Amino acid sequence: MSPEEFSDFYSASFHRIVGQLYAMTGDHAEAQDAVQEAFVRAWAHRTRLDATRGSPEAWVRTTAWNIAVSRWHRARAGRRLLGSQPPPVVAEPSPDRVALVAALRRLPAEQRRALVLYHLCDLSVAEVAAETGVPPGTVKARLARGRAALAPHLRQPAETERGGR
């Protein structure tokens, strides 16, 4: 199936398959997600999709059903696991934590990620480099720039008042 044929197939059958899966699962959002994932998988197999027995639509519908069932099993197992343990006690975030998160949001994503991995996840520079796929020197630069960018946003109120007098 060519990309153009696949696009036509998708356009012609997506809503119909979602409706069918919705009728099977009773959950419209889950039906949409499962059908979308099935189409992603179908795209990867599009050259063989023509040769499958039955129709490509049946293949997508069956794949979507299997995805939905698999998700349902995982969710049920997760609920059982959570149900067997007491609910976690979640404290309200401290004002310092709220301020830190707000300040981190102002940074570029690469600096924010490096700072979180290094300072909050306790990874070494080498581990941060491996996880982010950049050289250690780049990690060090991101950490230094990120700390410098955070500093003005994390000063104590007393320091800010003194500086303004």
N, C-alpha and C. Protein backbone atom coordinates (compact mmCIF):
# COMPACT_ATOMS: atom_id res chain seq x y z
N MET A 1 0.86 -1.16 0.00
CA MET A 1 0.00 0.00 0.00
C MET A 1 0.91 1.23 0.00
N SER A 2 0.70 2.11 -0.94
CA SER A 2 1.50 3.32 -1.04
C SER A 2 1.10 4.30 0.07
N PRO A 3 1.94 5.28 0.36
CA PRO A 3 1.56 6.28 1.37
C PRO A 3 0.24 6.99 1.04
N GLU A 4 0.01 7.27 -0.23
CA GLU A 4 -1.23 7.92 -0.62
C GLU A 4 -2.43 7.01 -0.38
N GLU A 5 -2.28 5.73 -0.73
CA GLU A 5 -3.36 4.76 -0.50
C GLU A 5 -3.62 4.60 1.00
N PHE A 6 -2.55 4.59 1.78
CA PHE A 6 -2.70 4.46 3.23
C PHE A 6 -3.44 5.66 3.79
N SER A 7 -3.10 6.85 3.31
CA SER A 7 -3.76 8.07 3.76
C SER A 7 -5.26 8.02 3.44
N ASP A 8 -5.58 7.57 2.25
CA ASP A 8 -6.99 7.43 1.86
C ASP A 8 -7.69 6.39 2.74
N PHE A 9 -7.02 5.28 2.99
CA PHE A 9 -7.55 4.23 3.85
C PHE A 9 -7.82 4.78 5.25
N TYR A 10 -6.86 5.52 5.78
CA TYR A 10 -7.01 6.10 7.11
C TYR A 10 -8.21 7.05 7.14
N SER A 11 -8.27 7.95 6.17
CA SER A 11 -9.36 8.94 6.13
C SER A 11 -10.72 8.27 6.01
N ALA A 12 -10.78 7.22 5.23
CA ALA A 12 -12.05 6.56 4.98
C ALA A 12 -12.51 5.68 6.14
N SER A 13 -11.58 5.18 6.94
CA SER A 13 -11.99 4.18 7.93
C SER A 13 -11.76 4.54 9.39
N PHE A 14 -11.01 5.59 9.69
CA PHE A 14 -10.68 5.89 11.09
C PHE A 14 -11.93 6.05 11.95
N HIS A 15 -12.84 6.94 11.55
CA HIS A 15 -14.02 7.21 12.37
C HIS A 15 -14.92 5.99 12.48
N ARG A 16 -15.01 5.23 11.43
CA ARG A 16 -15.84 4.02 11.46
C ARG A 16 -15.27 3.01 12.46
N ILE A 17 -13.95 2.80 12.42
CA ILE A 17 -13.33 1.84 13.33
C ILE A 17 -13.41 2.34 14.77
N VAL A 18 -13.24 3.64 14.97
CA VAL A 18 -13.39 4.19 16.33
C VAL A 18 -14.80 3.91 16.84
N GLY A 19 -15.80 4.14 16.01
CA GLY A 19 -17.19 3.86 16.41
C GLY A 19 -17.40 2.40 16.75
N GLN A 20 -16.81 1.52 15.96
CA GLN A 20 -16.95 0.09 16.23
C GLN A 20 -16.26 -0.29 17.54
N LEU A 21 -15.05 0.24 17.74
CA LEU A 21 -14.31 -0.09 18.97
C LEU A 21 -14.99 0.54 20.18
N TYR A 22 -15.56 1.71 20.01
CA TYR A 22 -16.30 2.35 21.10
C TYR A 22 -17.46 1.46 21.53
N ALA A 23 -18.14 0.89 20.54
CA ALA A 23 -19.25 -0.02 20.86
C ALA A 23 -18.74 -1.26 21.60
N MET A 24 -17.53 -1.69 21.30
CA MET A 24 -16.96 -2.87 21.95
C MET A 24 -16.45 -2.57 23.36
N THR A 25 -15.84 -1.38 23.55
CA THR A 25 -15.19 -1.07 24.82
C THR A 25 -16.05 -0.22 25.74
N GLY A 26 -16.94 0.58 25.19
CA GLY A 26 -17.75 1.48 25.99
C GLY A 26 -17.01 2.73 26.43
N ASP A 27 -15.80 2.94 25.90
CA ASP A 27 -14.99 4.10 26.28
C ASP A 27 -14.50 4.77 25.00
N HIS A 28 -15.06 5.94 24.70
CA HIS A 28 -14.73 6.60 23.44
C HIS A 28 -13.27 7.03 23.37
N ALA A 29 -12.76 7.60 24.46
CA ALA A 29 -11.37 8.05 24.46
C ALA A 29 -10.42 6.86 24.27
N GLU A 30 -10.69 5.77 24.94
CA GLU A 30 -9.86 4.57 24.79
C GLU A 30 -9.95 4.03 23.37
N ALA A 31 -11.14 4.07 22.79
CA ALA A 31 -11.32 3.61 21.42
C ALA A 31 -10.48 4.45 20.46
N GLN A 32 -10.52 5.77 20.62
CA GLN A 32 -9.72 6.63 19.76
C GLN A 32 -8.23 6.35 19.92
N ASP A 33 -7.77 6.24 21.16
CA ASP A 33 -6.35 5.98 21.40
C ASP A 33 -5.91 4.64 20.80
N ALA A 34 -6.71 3.61 21.02
CA ALA A 34 -6.35 2.28 20.52
C ALA A 34 -6.34 2.23 19.00
N VAL A 35 -7.32 2.86 18.38
CA VAL A 35 -7.38 2.88 16.91
C VAL A 35 -6.20 3.68 16.35
N GLN A 36 -5.89 4.80 16.99
CA GLN A 36 -4.75 5.59 16.52
C GLN A 36 -3.46 4.77 16.61
N GLU A 37 -3.26 4.07 17.73
CA GLU A 37 -2.07 3.22 17.88
C GLU A 37 -2.08 2.10 16.83
N ALA A 38 -3.23 1.54 16.57
CA ALA A 38 -3.33 0.49 15.55
C ALA A 38 -2.95 1.02 14.17
N PHE A 39 -3.34 2.24 13.86
CA PHE A 39 -2.96 2.83 12.57
C PHE A 39 -1.45 3.11 12.52
N VAL A 40 -0.87 3.48 13.63
CA VAL A 40 0.58 3.66 13.66
C VAL A 40 1.27 2.34 13.33
N ARG A 41 0.78 1.28 13.94
CA ARG A 41 1.35 -0.06 13.65
C ARG A 41 1.08 -0.47 12.21
N ALA A 42 -0.10 -0.14 11.72
CA ALA A 42 -0.44 -0.48 10.33
C ALA A 42 0.49 0.25 9.36
N TRP A 43 0.82 1.50 9.68
CA TRP A 43 1.74 2.26 8.83
C TRP A 43 3.06 1.52 8.70
N ALA A 44 3.54 0.98 9.80
CA ALA A 44 4.81 0.25 9.78
C ALA A 44 4.70 -1.03 8.95
N HIS A 45 3.50 -1.56 8.80
CA HIS A 45 3.29 -2.80 8.04
C HIS A 45 2.54 -2.55 6.73
N ARG A 46 2.48 -1.30 6.28
CA ARG A 46 1.63 -0.97 5.14
C ARG A 46 1.99 -1.72 3.87
N THR A 47 3.27 -2.07 3.68
CA THR A 47 3.64 -2.78 2.46
C THR A 47 3.08 -4.19 2.45
N ARG A 48 2.85 -4.74 3.64
CA ARG A 48 2.30 -6.10 3.75
C ARG A 48 0.80 -6.09 3.99
N LEU A 49 0.24 -4.92 4.26
CA LEU A 49 -1.17 -4.83 4.61
C LEU A 49 -2.07 -5.27 3.47
N ASP A 50 -1.69 -5.01 2.22
CA ASP A 50 -2.48 -5.44 1.07
C ASP A 50 -2.59 -6.95 0.99
N ALA A 51 -1.50 -7.61 1.36
CA ALA A 51 -1.43 -9.05 1.18
C ALA A 51 -2.07 -9.83 2.32
N THR A 52 -2.50 -9.15 3.38
CA THR A 52 -3.10 -9.87 4.51
C THR A 52 -4.44 -10.44 4.11
N ARG A 53 -4.77 -11.57 4.74
CA ARG A 53 -6.09 -12.13 4.48
C ARG A 53 -7.13 -11.20 5.06
N GLY A 54 -8.29 -11.19 4.48
CA GLY A 54 -9.31 -10.27 4.94
C GLY A 54 -9.02 -8.89 4.40
N SER A 55 -9.31 -7.91 5.20
CA SER A 55 -9.11 -6.55 4.72
C SER A 55 -8.17 -5.80 5.66
N PRO A 56 -7.55 -4.74 5.17
CA PRO A 56 -6.72 -3.92 6.05
C PRO A 56 -7.54 -3.36 7.22
N GLU A 57 -8.80 -3.05 6.95
CA GLU A 57 -9.64 -2.52 8.02
C GLU A 57 -9.83 -3.55 9.13
N ALA A 58 -9.99 -4.81 8.77
CA ALA A 58 -10.13 -5.86 9.78
C ALA A 58 -8.84 -5.99 10.58
N TRP A 59 -7.70 -5.85 9.92
CA TRP A 59 -6.41 -5.94 10.61
C TRP A 59 -6.30 -4.81 11.64
N VAL A 60 -6.65 -3.58 11.23
CA VAL A 60 -6.58 -2.43 12.14
C VAL A 60 -7.57 -2.61 13.29
N ARG A 61 -8.78 -3.04 13.00
CA ARG A 61 -9.79 -3.23 14.04
C ARG A 61 -9.34 -4.29 15.05
N THR A 62 -8.80 -5.40 14.57
CA THR A 62 -8.32 -6.46 15.46
C THR A 62 -7.14 -5.97 16.29
N THR A 63 -6.23 -5.26 15.66
CA THR A 63 -5.07 -4.72 16.38
C THR A 63 -5.53 -3.73 17.44
N ALA A 64 -6.48 -2.86 17.09
CA ALA A 64 -7.00 -1.89 18.05
C ALA A 64 -7.67 -2.60 19.23
N TRP A 65 -8.42 -3.64 18.95
CA TRP A 65 -9.06 -4.40 20.02
C TRP A 65 -8.01 -5.01 20.94
N ASN A 66 -6.98 -5.59 20.36
CA ASN A 66 -5.92 -6.19 21.18
C ASN A 66 -5.21 -5.14 22.03
N ILE A 67 -5.00 -3.96 21.48
CA ILE A 67 -4.38 -2.86 22.23
C ILE A 67 -5.28 -2.47 23.40
N ALA A 68 -6.56 -2.31 23.14
CA ALA A 68 -7.50 -1.92 24.19
C ALA A 68 -7.57 -2.98 25.29
N VAL A 69 -7.60 -4.24 24.92
CA VAL A 69 -7.64 -5.32 25.92
C VAL A 69 -6.36 -5.34 26.74
N SER A 70 -5.23 -5.16 26.08
CA SER A 70 -3.95 -5.14 26.79
C SER A 70 -3.91 -3.99 27.79
N ARG A 71 -4.36 -2.83 27.38
CA ARG A 71 -4.40 -1.68 28.29
C ARG A 71 -5.34 -1.94 29.45
N TRP A 72 -6.47 -2.56 29.17
CA TRP A 72 -7.44 -2.86 30.22
C TRP A 72 -6.82 -3.81 31.25
N HIS A 73 -6.10 -4.83 30.77
CA HIS A 73 -5.45 -5.77 31.69
C HIS A 73 -4.40 -5.07 32.54
N ARG A 74 -3.60 -4.20 31.92
CA ARG A 74 -2.58 -3.47 32.68
C ARG A 74 -3.23 -2.54 33.71
N ALA A 75 -4.29 -1.87 33.32
CA ALA A 75 -4.98 -0.96 34.25
C ALA A 75 -5.60 -1.74 35.40
N ARG A 76 -6.18 -2.88 35.12
CA ARG A 76 -6.79 -3.71 36.17
C ARG A 76 -5.72 -4.21 37.13
N ALA A 77 -4.59 -4.64 36.59
CA ALA A 77 -3.50 -5.10 37.46
C ALA A 77 -2.97 -3.95 38.31
N GLY A 78 -2.89 -2.77 37.73
CA GLY A 78 -2.44 -1.59 38.48
C GLY A 78 -3.41 -1.24 39.59
N ARG A 79 -4.71 -1.32 39.31
CA ARG A 79 -5.70 -1.03 40.35
C ARG A 79 -5.63 -2.04 41.47
N ARG A 80 -5.42 -3.31 41.12
CA ARG A 80 -5.28 -4.34 42.15
C ARG A 80 -4.07 -4.06 43.02
N LEU A 81 -2.96 -3.70 42.38
CA LEU A 81 -1.75 -3.41 43.13
C LEU A 81 -1.96 -2.22 44.05
N LEU A 82 -2.57 -1.17 43.52
CA LEU A 82 -2.82 0.01 44.35
C LEU A 82 -3.82 -0.29 45.46
N GLY A 83 -4.80 -1.13 45.16
CA GLY A 83 -5.81 -1.48 46.16
C GLY A 83 -5.26 -2.32 47.29
N SER A 84 -4.17 -3.01 47.07
CA SER A 84 -3.60 -3.88 48.10
C SER A 84 -2.68 -3.12 49.05
N GLN A 85 -2.45 -1.84 48.77
CA GLN A 85 -1.57 -1.05 49.62
C GLN A 85 -2.33 0.16 50.15
N PRO A 86 -1.93 0.63 51.32
CA PRO A 86 -2.60 1.83 51.83
C PRO A 86 -2.31 3.01 50.91
N PRO A 87 -3.23 3.94 50.82
CA PRO A 87 -2.99 5.09 49.94
C PRO A 87 -1.79 5.89 50.43
N PRO A 88 -1.00 6.37 49.50
CA PRO A 88 0.18 7.14 49.91
C PRO A 88 -0.23 8.47 50.53
N VAL A 89 0.54 8.89 51.50
CA VAL A 89 0.32 10.19 52.11
C VAL A 89 1.08 11.21 51.28
N VAL A 90 0.35 12.12 50.71
CA VAL A 90 0.97 13.13 49.86
C VAL A 90 0.84 14.48 50.56
N ALA A 91 1.97 15.02 50.90
CA ALA A 91 1.98 16.33 51.56
C ALA A 91 1.87 17.42 50.52
N GLU A 92 1.36 18.54 50.94
CA GLU A 92 1.30 19.70 50.07
C GLU A 92 2.72 20.14 49.75
N PRO A 93 2.97 20.62 48.55
CA PRO A 93 4.33 21.08 48.25
C PRO A 93 4.67 22.30 49.11
N SER A 94 5.91 22.34 49.54
CA SER A 94 6.36 23.47 50.34
C SER A 94 6.45 24.72 49.46
N PRO A 95 6.43 25.90 50.07
CA PRO A 95 6.59 27.13 49.27
C PRO A 95 7.91 27.14 48.49
N ASP A 96 8.96 26.56 49.09
CA ASP A 96 10.24 26.50 48.39
C ASP A 96 10.14 25.65 47.14
N ARG A 97 9.44 24.53 47.24
CA ARG A 97 9.29 23.64 46.08
C ARG A 97 8.47 24.32 44.99
N VAL A 98 7.41 24.99 45.38
CA VAL A 98 6.59 25.72 44.41
C VAL A 98 7.43 26.78 43.70
N ALA A 99 8.25 27.49 44.47
CA ALA A 99 9.11 28.53 43.89
C ALA A 99 10.13 27.91 42.94
N LEU A 100 10.70 26.77 43.33
CA LEU A 100 11.68 26.10 42.48
C LEU A 100 11.04 25.67 41.16
N VAL A 101 9.88 25.05 41.22
CA VAL A 101 9.21 24.60 39.99
C VAL A 101 8.87 25.79 39.10
N ALA A 102 8.39 26.87 39.70
CA ALA A 102 8.06 28.07 38.92
C ALA A 102 9.32 28.63 38.26
N ALA A 103 10.43 28.65 39.00
CA ALA A 103 11.68 29.16 38.43
C ALA A 103 12.19 28.24 37.33
N LEU A 104 12.10 26.93 37.53
CA LEU A 104 12.56 25.98 36.51
C LEU A 104 11.78 26.13 35.21
N ARG A 105 10.51 26.47 35.30
CA ARG A 105 9.68 26.64 34.10
C ARG A 105 10.17 27.77 33.21
N ARG A 106 10.93 28.69 33.78
CA ARG A 106 11.43 29.83 33.01
C ARG A 106 12.69 29.49 32.22
N LEU A 107 13.27 28.34 32.47
CA LEU A 107 14.52 27.95 31.81
C LEU A 107 14.26 27.22 30.51
N PRO A 108 15.22 27.25 29.59
CA PRO A 108 15.12 26.40 28.40
C PRO A 108 15.07 24.93 28.82
N ALA A 109 14.40 24.12 28.05
CA ALA A 109 14.18 22.71 28.39
C ALA A 109 15.48 21.96 28.67
N GLU A 110 16.54 22.22 27.89
CA GLU A 110 17.79 21.47 28.06
C GLU A 110 18.44 21.79 29.41
N GLN A 111 18.42 23.06 29.79
CA GLN A 111 18.98 23.44 31.08
C GLN A 111 18.14 22.87 32.22
N ARG A 112 16.83 22.96 32.09
CA ARG A 112 15.92 22.44 33.11
C ARG A 112 16.14 20.95 33.31
N ARG A 113 16.24 20.22 32.22
CA ARG A 113 16.42 18.77 32.31
C ARG A 113 17.75 18.44 32.98
N ALA A 114 18.82 19.13 32.60
CA ALA A 114 20.13 18.87 33.21
C ALA A 114 20.09 19.16 34.70
N LEU A 115 19.49 20.28 35.10
CA LEU A 115 19.42 20.62 36.52
C LEU A 115 18.61 19.60 37.32
N VAL A 116 17.49 19.19 36.79
CA VAL A 116 16.66 18.20 37.50
C VAL A 116 17.39 16.87 37.62
N LEU A 117 17.98 16.41 36.53
CA LEU A 117 18.69 15.12 36.59
C LEU A 117 19.86 15.18 37.56
N TYR A 118 20.59 16.27 37.56
CA TYR A 118 21.78 16.38 38.40
C TYR A 118 21.41 16.62 39.86
N HIS A 119 20.56 17.59 40.12
CA HIS A 119 20.29 18.00 41.50
C HIS A 119 19.14 17.23 42.15
N LEU A 120 18.11 16.90 41.41
CA LEU A 120 16.96 16.23 42.02
C LEU A 120 17.03 14.71 41.89
N CYS A 121 17.61 14.23 40.81
CA CYS A 121 17.73 12.78 40.61
C CYS A 121 19.08 12.25 41.08
N ASP A 122 19.96 13.15 41.50
CA ASP A 122 21.28 12.79 42.01
C ASP A 122 22.13 11.99 41.02
N LEU A 123 22.03 12.35 39.74
CA LEU A 123 22.88 11.70 38.74
C LEU A 123 24.18 12.48 38.63
N SER A 124 25.24 11.79 38.28
CA SER A 124 26.53 12.45 38.04
C SER A 124 26.48 13.15 36.68
N VAL A 125 27.47 13.98 36.41
CA VAL A 125 27.56 14.65 35.11
C VAL A 125 27.63 13.60 34.00
N ALA A 126 28.42 12.55 34.21
CA ALA A 126 28.54 11.50 33.20
C ALA A 126 27.20 10.79 32.97
N GLU A 127 26.45 10.55 34.04
CA GLU A 127 25.15 9.89 33.90
C GLU A 127 24.14 10.80 33.19
N VAL A 128 24.18 12.09 33.51
CA VAL A 128 23.30 13.03 32.82
C VAL A 128 23.66 13.08 31.34
N ALA A 129 24.95 13.08 31.05
CA ALA A 129 25.40 13.10 29.65
C ALA A 129 24.91 11.86 28.90
N ALA A 130 25.02 10.71 29.54
CA ALA A 130 24.58 9.46 28.90
C ALA A 130 23.07 9.48 28.67
N GLU A 131 22.32 9.96 29.65
CA GLU A 131 20.86 9.95 29.52
C GLU A 131 20.36 10.96 28.49
N THR A 132 21.04 12.09 28.39
CA THR A 132 20.58 13.13 27.46
C THR A 132 21.25 13.05 26.09
N GLY A 133 22.31 12.22 25.99
CA GLY A 133 22.97 12.04 24.70
C GLY A 133 23.84 13.21 24.28
N VAL A 134 24.40 13.92 25.25
CA VAL A 134 25.30 15.04 24.95
C VAL A 134 26.61 14.84 25.68
N PRO A 135 27.69 15.48 25.26
CA PRO A 135 28.97 15.34 25.95
C PRO A 135 28.92 15.93 27.36
N PRO A 136 29.77 15.42 28.26
CA PRO A 136 29.81 15.95 29.63
C PRO A 136 30.05 17.46 29.69
N GLY A 137 30.86 17.99 28.81
CA GLY A 137 31.10 19.43 28.79
C GLY A 137 29.82 20.22 28.53
N THR A 138 28.97 19.69 27.68
CA THR A 138 27.69 20.35 27.40
C THR A 138 26.80 20.32 28.63
N VAL A 139 26.82 19.19 29.35
CA VAL A 139 26.05 19.08 30.58
C VAL A 139 26.54 20.13 31.58
N LYS A 140 27.85 20.25 31.74
CA LYS A 140 28.42 21.22 32.67
C LYS A 140 28.01 22.64 32.29
N ALA A 141 28.04 22.95 31.01
CA ALA A 141 27.64 24.28 30.56
C ALA A 141 26.16 24.53 30.84
N ARG A 142 25.32 23.53 30.58
CA ARG A 142 23.89 23.69 30.85
C ARG A 142 23.63 23.87 32.34
N LEU A 143 24.37 23.13 33.16
CA LEU A 143 24.21 23.28 34.61
C LEU A 143 24.61 24.68 35.05
N ALA A 144 25.74 25.16 34.57
CA ALA A 144 26.22 26.48 34.97
C ALA A 144 25.24 27.57 34.50
N ARG A 145 24.82 27.49 33.26
CA ARG A 145 23.88 28.50 32.74
C ARG A 145 22.53 28.41 33.44
N GLY A 146 22.10 27.18 33.70
CA GLY A 146 20.82 27.00 34.38
C GLY A 146 20.85 27.55 35.80
N ARG A 147 21.94 27.29 36.53
CA ARG A 147 22.07 27.83 37.90
C ARG A 147 22.08 29.36 37.86
N ALA A 148 22.81 29.92 36.91
CA ALA A 148 22.87 31.38 36.80
C ALA A 148 21.50 31.96 36.49
N ALA A 149 20.74 31.29 35.64
CA ALA A 149 19.41 31.78 35.28
C ALA A 149 18.42 31.60 36.42
N LEU A 150 18.62 30.58 37.25
CA LEU A 150 17.72 30.35 38.39
C LEU A 150 17.96 31.33 39.53
N ALA A 151 19.19 31.72 39.74
CA ALA A 151 19.57 32.51 40.92
C ALA A 151 18.66 33.72 41.16
N PRO A 152 18.38 34.54 40.18
CA PRO A 152 17.54 35.71 40.46
C PRO A 152 16.13 35.35 40.91
N HIS A 153 15.64 34.19 40.53
CA HIS A 153 14.27 33.79 40.83
C HIS A 153 14.17 33.07 42.17
N LEU A 154 15.30 32.68 42.75
CA LEU A 154 15.27 31.91 43.99
C LEU A 154 15.86 32.66 45.17
N ARG A 155 16.12 33.93 45.03
CA ARG A 155 16.66 34.72 46.15
C ARG A 155 15.64 34.82 47.26
N GLN A 156 16.12 34.89 48.47
CA GLN A 156 15.26 35.07 49.64
C GLN A 156 14.61 36.45 49.57
N PRO A 157 13.36 36.59 50.02
CA PRO A 157 12.71 37.89 50.00
C PRO A 157 13.51 38.97 50.72
N ALA A 158 14.16 38.62 51.85
CA ALA A 158 14.95 39.61 52.61
C ALA A 158 16.09 40.15 51.77
N GLU A 159 16.73 39.26 50.99
CA GLU A 159 17.84 39.69 50.13
C GLU A 159 17.35 40.65 49.05
N THR A 160 16.17 40.35 48.51
CA THR A 160 15.61 41.18 47.47
C THR A 160 15.27 42.57 48.01
N GLU A 161 14.70 42.61 49.26
CA GLU A 161 14.34 43.89 49.86
C GLU A 161 15.58 44.72 50.13
N ARG A 162 16.65 44.09 50.66
CA ARG A 162 17.87 44.82 50.97
C ARG A 162 18.49 45.39 49.70
N GLY A 163 18.42 44.61 48.63
CA GLY A 163 19.01 45.07 47.37
C GLY A 163 18.26 46.24 46.79
N GLY A 164 16.99 46.37 47.14
CA GLY A 164 16.18 47.46 46.56
C GLY A 164 16.28 48.75 47.32
N ARG A 165 16.90 48.75 48.52
CA ARG A 165 16.98 49.99 49.34
C ARG A 165 18.07 50.89 48.94
